[in-house]
Amino acid sequence: MEKRNNIYVGVFLLGLTGVLIGVVVHSPMLAVVAGVLGSIIGGFIGWLGGRFYLVTICVGVLIGTFIGYRTGDRDILIIAAGSGAAISGFVANFIQLFRRK
């Protein structure tokens, strides 16, 4: 049951992130494609048991988006959101690496 919940959380979080990327860029087709790809990747990460990893990435996206939004430029907003997700993904990997020891 726990693994199934992780899969649902992954599909929801990364699928929603993909749809929001399409909304920001004002492209319905990109929203659908990015939503589907995000759902597939999120389901795989959830299947592997990465709930902490998914939540950490979403927090990084929110922080990066907030910083990018403050600049007032849409292109910087997209880059800042992606950078926030990437940096928080690295941080999550390091945290999980050190928690196992």
Protein backbone atom coordinates (compact mmCIF):
# COMPACT_ATOMS: atom_id res chain seq x y z
CA MET A 1 0.00 0.00 0.00
CA GLU A 2 2.87 2.37 0.81
CA LYS A 3 4.46 1.82 -2.62
CA ARG A 4 1.15 2.54 -4.34
CA ASN A 5 0.78 5.82 -2.47
CA ASN A 6 4.32 6.81 -3.48
CA ILE A 7 3.44 6.14 -7.12
CA TYR A 8 0.29 8.26 -6.91
CA VAL A 9 2.15 11.12 -5.23
CA GLY A 10 4.88 10.98 -7.89
CA VAL A 11 2.41 10.96 -10.77
CA PHE A 12 0.49 13.87 -9.26
CA LEU A 13 3.45 16.07 -8.36
CA LEU A 14 5.53 15.70 -11.52
CA GLY A 15 2.47 15.57 -13.79
CA LEU A 16 1.20 18.81 -12.28
CA THR A 17 4.65 20.35 -12.65
CA GLY A 18 4.66 19.46 -16.35
CA VAL A 19 1.20 20.95 -16.89
CA LEU A 20 2.21 24.15 -15.12
CA ILE A 21 5.27 24.47 -17.36
CA GLY A 22 2.93 24.39 -20.37
CA VAL A 23 0.64 26.96 -18.75
CA VAL A 24 3.52 29.36 -18.09
CA VAL A 25 4.71 29.08 -21.68
CA HIS A 26 1.09 29.50 -22.96
CA SER A 27 1.14 26.28 -24.99
CA PRO A 28 -1.69 23.75 -24.49
CA MET A 29 0.17 21.09 -26.48
CA LEU A 30 3.28 21.50 -24.32
CA ALA A 31 1.12 21.30 -21.20
CA VAL A 32 -0.27 17.93 -22.30
CA VAL A 33 3.08 16.49 -23.41
CA ALA A 34 4.99 17.74 -20.35
CA GLY A 35 2.18 16.55 -18.06
CA VAL A 36 2.27 13.04 -19.53
CA LEU A 37 6.06 12.82 -19.41
CA GLY A 38 6.09 14.19 -15.85
CA SER A 39 3.49 11.62 -14.81
CA ILE A 40 5.54 8.77 -16.27
CA ILE A 41 8.75 9.92 -14.60
CA GLY A 42 6.93 10.66 -11.32
CA GLY A 43 5.36 7.21 -11.31
CA PHE A 44 8.76 5.61 -11.84
CA ILE A 45 10.35 7.62 -9.04
CA GLY A 46 7.40 6.79 -6.78
CA TRP A 47 7.77 3.12 -7.66
CA LEU A 48 11.39 3.34 -6.55
CA GLY A 49 10.20 4.83 -3.24
CA GLY A 50 11.35 8.42 -3.65
CA ARG A 51 8.65 10.40 -1.84
CA PHE A 52 11.22 12.49 0.05
CA TYR A 53 13.02 13.15 -3.23
CA LEU A 54 9.79 14.28 -4.95
CA VAL A 55 8.77 16.60 -2.14
CA THR A 56 12.25 18.12 -1.99
CA ILE A 57 12.20 18.80 -5.74
CA CYS A 58 8.78 20.46 -5.47
CA VAL A 59 10.02 22.70 -2.67
CA GLY A 60 13.01 23.65 -4.85
CA VAL A 61 10.69 24.43 -7.77
CA LEU A 62 8.56 26.67 -5.57
CA ILE A 63 11.57 28.55 -4.21
CA GLY A 64 13.08 28.94 -7.69
CA THR A 65 9.73 30.07 -9.10
CA PHE A 66 9.31 32.65 -6.36
CA ILE A 67 12.77 34.07 -7.03
CA GLY A 68 12.18 34.06 -10.80
CA TYR A 69 8.76 35.67 -10.42
CA ARG A 70 10.26 38.56 -8.49
CA THR A 71 12.37 39.47 -11.56
CA GLY A 72 9.27 40.02 -13.70
CA ASP A 73 10.65 38.16 -16.75
CA ARG A 74 8.97 34.94 -17.90
CA ASP A 75 12.16 33.42 -19.31
CA ILE A 76 14.02 33.94 -16.04
CA LEU A 77 11.05 32.46 -14.17
CA ILE A 78 11.31 29.23 -16.19
CA ILE A 79 15.07 29.01 -15.79
CA ALA A 80 14.88 29.76 -12.06
CA ALA A 81 12.21 27.09 -11.50
CA GLY A 82 14.26 24.47 -13.35
CA SER A 83 17.43 25.46 -11.53
CA GLY A 84 15.66 25.28 -8.17
CA ALA A 85 14.43 21.78 -9.00
CA ALA A 86 17.87 20.62 -10.11
CA ILE A 87 19.66 22.02 -7.07
CA SER A 88 17.09 20.61 -4.66
CA GLY A 89 17.37 17.22 -6.40
CA PHE A 90 21.10 17.20 -5.75
CA VAL A 91 20.51 18.22 -2.14
CA ALA A 92 17.94 15.43 -1.71
CA ASN A 93 20.39 12.87 -3.07
CA PHE A 94 23.10 14.00 -0.67
CA ILE A 95 20.71 13.97 2.29
CA GLN A 96 19.57 10.44 1.47
CA LEU A 97 23.17 9.33 0.97
CA PHE A 98 24.21 10.55 4.43
CA ARG A 99 21.05 9.33 6.18
CA ARG A 100 21.82 5.72 5.26
CA LYS A 101 25.13 5.69 7.14
